Amino acid sequence: MTDFVIKSRKRKDYTQFTARIETETLDNIRRIVKENNLISVNEFINDCLKYAIANLKITEADDNNFKKIENG
Protein backbone atom coordinates (compact mmCIF):
# COMPACT_ATOMS: atom_id res chain seq x y z
CA MET A 1 0.00 0.00 0.00
CA THR A 2 1.32 3.46 -0.87
CA ASP A 3 1.78 6.14 1.77
CA PHE A 4 -0.78 8.87 2.20
CA VAL A 5 1.26 12.08 1.91
CA ILE A 6 -0.03 15.52 2.83
CA LYS A 7 1.93 18.41 1.36
CA SER A 8 1.73 21.68 3.22
CA ARG A 9 0.99 24.79 1.21
CA LYS A 10 1.36 28.40 2.18
CA ARG A 11 -2.03 29.52 3.46
CA LYS A 12 -3.51 32.55 1.80
CA ASP A 13 -5.81 35.07 3.42
CA TYR A 14 -9.34 34.53 2.08
CA THR A 15 -12.66 36.18 2.78
CA GLN A 16 -15.84 34.22 2.16
CA PHE A 17 -17.96 36.13 -0.36
CA THR A 18 -21.09 35.10 -2.23
CA ALA A 19 -21.63 36.20 -5.80
CA ARG A 20 -23.99 35.12 -8.56
CA ILE A 21 -22.27 33.70 -11.65
CA GLU A 22 -24.15 32.93 -14.84
CA THR A 23 -24.71 29.18 -15.16
CA GLU A 24 -23.00 28.95 -18.56
CA THR A 25 -19.95 30.85 -17.25
CA LEU A 26 -19.64 28.59 -14.21
CA ASP A 27 -19.97 25.52 -16.44
CA ASN A 28 -17.13 26.87 -18.60
CA ILE A 29 -14.98 27.58 -15.54
CA ARG A 30 -15.50 24.06 -14.19
CA ARG A 31 -14.70 22.57 -17.61
CA ILE A 32 -11.48 24.61 -17.93
CA VAL A 33 -10.35 23.64 -14.42
CA LYS A 34 -11.04 19.95 -15.06
CA GLU A 35 -9.53 19.80 -18.57
CA ASN A 36 -6.35 21.56 -17.45
CA ASN A 37 -6.00 19.77 -14.11
CA LEU A 38 -5.92 23.09 -12.24
CA ILE A 39 -5.80 23.30 -8.45
CA SER A 40 -9.39 24.44 -7.92
CA VAL A 41 -12.24 26.55 -9.24
CA ASN A 42 -11.53 29.03 -6.43
CA GLU A 43 -7.86 29.45 -7.43
CA PHE A 44 -8.82 29.83 -11.11
CA ILE A 45 -11.42 32.50 -10.37
CA ASN A 46 -8.98 34.38 -8.11
CA ASP A 47 -6.30 34.28 -10.85
CA CYS A 48 -8.81 35.52 -13.44
CA LEU A 49 -9.91 38.38 -11.17
CA LYS A 50 -6.30 39.42 -10.50
CA TYR A 51 -5.57 39.41 -14.23
CA ALA A 52 -8.73 41.39 -15.03
CA ILE A 53 -7.97 44.01 -12.37
CA ALA A 54 -4.36 44.38 -13.50
CA ASN A 55 -5.48 44.89 -17.11
CA LEU A 56 -8.59 46.94 -16.45
CA LYS A 57 -9.57 49.61 -18.97
CA ILE A 58 -12.67 51.69 -18.31
CA THR A 59 -14.45 53.92 -20.79
CA GLU A 60 -16.69 56.73 -19.64
CA ALA A 61 -19.32 58.42 -21.75
CA ASP A 62 -19.09 62.23 -21.80
CA ASP A 63 -21.51 63.95 -24.20
CA ASN A 64 -21.20 61.18 -26.83
CA ASN A 65 -17.41 61.14 -26.50
CA PHE A 66 -15.62 58.32 -24.74
CA LYS A 67 -12.44 58.64 -22.77
CA LYS A 68 -10.40 55.64 -21.75
CA ILE A 69 -9.22 55.37 -18.17
CA GLU A 70 -6.52 52.77 -17.56
CA ASN A 71 -5.84 51.09 -14.25
CA GLY A 72 -2.49 51.86 -12.72
C-alpha atoms as a PDB file:
ATOM      1  CA  MET A   1       0.000   0.000   0.000  1.00  0.00           C
ATOM      2  CA  THR A   2       1.324   3.464  -0.866  1.00  0.00           C
ATOM      3  CA  ASP A   3       1.778   6.140   1.774  1.00  0.00           C
ATOM      4  CA  PHE A   4      -0.782   8.871   2.197  1.00  0.00           C
ATOM      5  CA  VAL A   5       1.260  12.078   1.909  1.00  0.00           C
ATOM      6  CA  ILE A   6      -0.030  15.516   2.829  1.00  0.00           C
ATOM      7  CA  LYS A   7       1.928  18.407   1.361  1.00  0.00           C
ATOM      8  CA  SER A   8       1.728  21.676   3.220  1.00  0.00           C
ATOM      9  CA  ARG A   9       0.994  24.792   1.205  1.00  0.00           C
ATOM     10  CA  LYS A  10       1.361  28.402   2.177  1.00  0.00           C
ATOM     11  CA  ARG A  11      -2.034  29.516   3.455  1.00  0.00           C
ATOM     12  CA  LYS A  12      -3.509  32.552   1.804  1.00  0.00           C
ATOM     13  CA  ASP A  13      -5.813  35.071   3.424  1.00  0.00           C
ATOM     14  CA  TYR A  14      -9.338  34.532   2.080  1.00  0.00           C
ATOM     15  CA  THR A  15     -12.663  36.184   2.785  1.00  0.00           C
ATOM     16  CA  GLN A  16     -15.843  34.219   2.159  1.00  0.00           C
ATOM     17  CA  PHE A  17     -17.961  36.130  -0.363  1.00  0.00           C
ATOM     18  CA  THR A  18     -21.086  35.096  -2.226  1.00  0.00           C
ATOM     19  CA  ALA A  19     -21.630  36.196  -5.805  1.00  0.00           C
ATOM     20  CA  ARG A  20     -23.993  35.120  -8.562  1.00  0.00           C
ATOM     21  CA  ILE A  21     -22.272  33.704 -11.646  1.00  0.00           C
ATOM     22  CA  GLU A  22     -24.151  32.934 -14.835  1.00  0.00           C
ATOM     23  CA  THR A  23     -24.708  29.181 -15.162  1.00  0.00           C
ATOM     24  CA  GLU A  24     -22.997  28.949 -18.559  1.00  0.00           C
ATOM     25  CA  THR A  25     -19.954  30.854 -17.246  1.00  0.00           C
ATOM     26  CA  LEU A  26     -19.636  28.594 -14.211  1.00  0.00           C
ATOM     27  CA  ASP A  27     -19.966  25.518 -16.438  1.00  0.00           C
ATOM     28  CA  ASN A  28     -17.128  26.869 -18.604  1.00  0.00           C
ATOM     29  CA  ILE A  29     -14.985  27.576 -15.536  1.00  0.00           C
ATOM     30  CA  ARG A  30     -15.498  24.060 -14.189  1.00  0.00           C
ATOM     31  CA  ARG A  31     -14.697  22.569 -17.606  1.00  0.00           C
ATOM     32  CA  ILE A  32     -11.480  24.613 -17.929  1.00  0.00           C
ATOM     33  CA  VAL A  33     -10.354  23.641 -14.417  1.00  0.00           C
ATOM     34  CA  LYS A  34     -11.044  19.953 -15.058  1.00  0.00           C
ATOM     35  CA  GLU A  35      -9.532  19.801 -18.570  1.00  0.00           C
ATOM     36  CA  ASN A  36      -6.349  21.556 -17.451  1.00  0.00           C
ATOM     37  CA  ASN A  37      -5.996  19.768 -14.111  1.00  0.00           C
ATOM     38  CA  LEU A  38      -5.922  23.091 -12.243  1.00  0.00           C
ATOM     39  CA  ILE A  39      -5.798  23.296  -8.449  1.00  0.00           C
ATOM     40  CA  SER A  40      -9.388  24.441  -7.919  1.00  0.00           C
ATOM     41  CA  VAL A  41     -12.235  26.551  -9.239  1.00  0.00           C
ATOM     42  CA  ASN A  42     -11.526  29.026  -6.432  1.00  0.00           C
ATOM     43  CA  GLU A  43      -7.863  29.448  -7.426  1.00  0.00           C
ATOM     44  CA  PHE A  44      -8.817  29.826 -11.105  1.00  0.00           C
ATOM     45  CA  ILE A  45     -11.423  32.498 -10.371  1.00  0.00           C
ATOM     46  CA  ASN A  46      -8.978  34.385  -8.112  1.00  0.00           C
ATOM     47  CA  ASP A  47      -6.301  34.281 -10.845  1.00  0.00           C
ATOM     48  CA  CYS A  48      -8.808  35.521 -13.436  1.00  0.00           C
ATOM     49  CA  LEU A  49      -9.912  38.377 -11.171  1.00  0.00           C
ATOM     50  CA  LYS A  50      -6.301  39.419 -10.502  1.00  0.00           C
ATOM     51  CA  TYR A  51      -5.575  39.414 -14.235  1.00  0.00           C
ATOM     52  CA  ALA A  52      -8.735  41.389 -15.033  1.00  0.00           C
ATOM     53  CA  ILE A  53      -7.970  44.014 -12.373  1.00  0.00           C
ATOM     54  CA  ALA A  54      -4.361  44.376 -13.505  1.00  0.00           C
ATOM     55  CA  ASN A  55      -5.483  44.886 -17.115  1.00  0.00           C
ATOM     56  CA  LEU A  56      -8.594  46.944 -16.451  1.00  0.00           C
ATOM     57  CA  LYS A  57      -9.574  49.614 -18.968  1.00  0.00           C
ATOM     58  CA  ILE A  58     -12.675  51.687 -18.309  1.00  0.00           C
ATOM     59  CA  THR A  59     -14.447  53.915 -20.792  1.00  0.00           C
ATOM     60  CA  GLU A  60     -16.689  56.734 -19.640  1.00  0.00           C
ATOM     61  CA  ALA A  61     -19.321  58.420 -21.750  1.00  0.00           C
ATOM     62  CA  ASP A  62     -19.092  62.225 -21.799  1.00  0.00           C
ATOM     63  CA  ASP A  63     -21.513  63.948 -24.203  1.00  0.00           C
ATOM     64  CA  ASN A  64     -21.198  61.181 -26.832  1.00  0.00           C
ATOM     65  CA  ASN A  65     -17.411  61.141 -26.499  1.00  0.00           C
ATOM     66  CA  PHE A  66     -15.621  58.320 -24.744  1.00  0.00           C
ATOM     67  CA  LYS A  67     -12.436  58.644 -22.767  1.00  0.00           C
ATOM     68  CA  LYS A  68     -10.399  55.641 -21.747  1.00  0.00           C
ATOM     69  CA  ILE A  69      -9.222  55.374 -18.170  1.00  0.00           C
ATOM     70  CA  GLU A  70      -6.515  52.772 -17.562  1.00  0.00           C
ATOM     71  CA  ASN A  71      -5.835  51.093 -14.253  1.00  0.00           C
ATOM     72  CA  GLY A  72      -2.494  51.860 -12.716  1.00  0.00           C
END
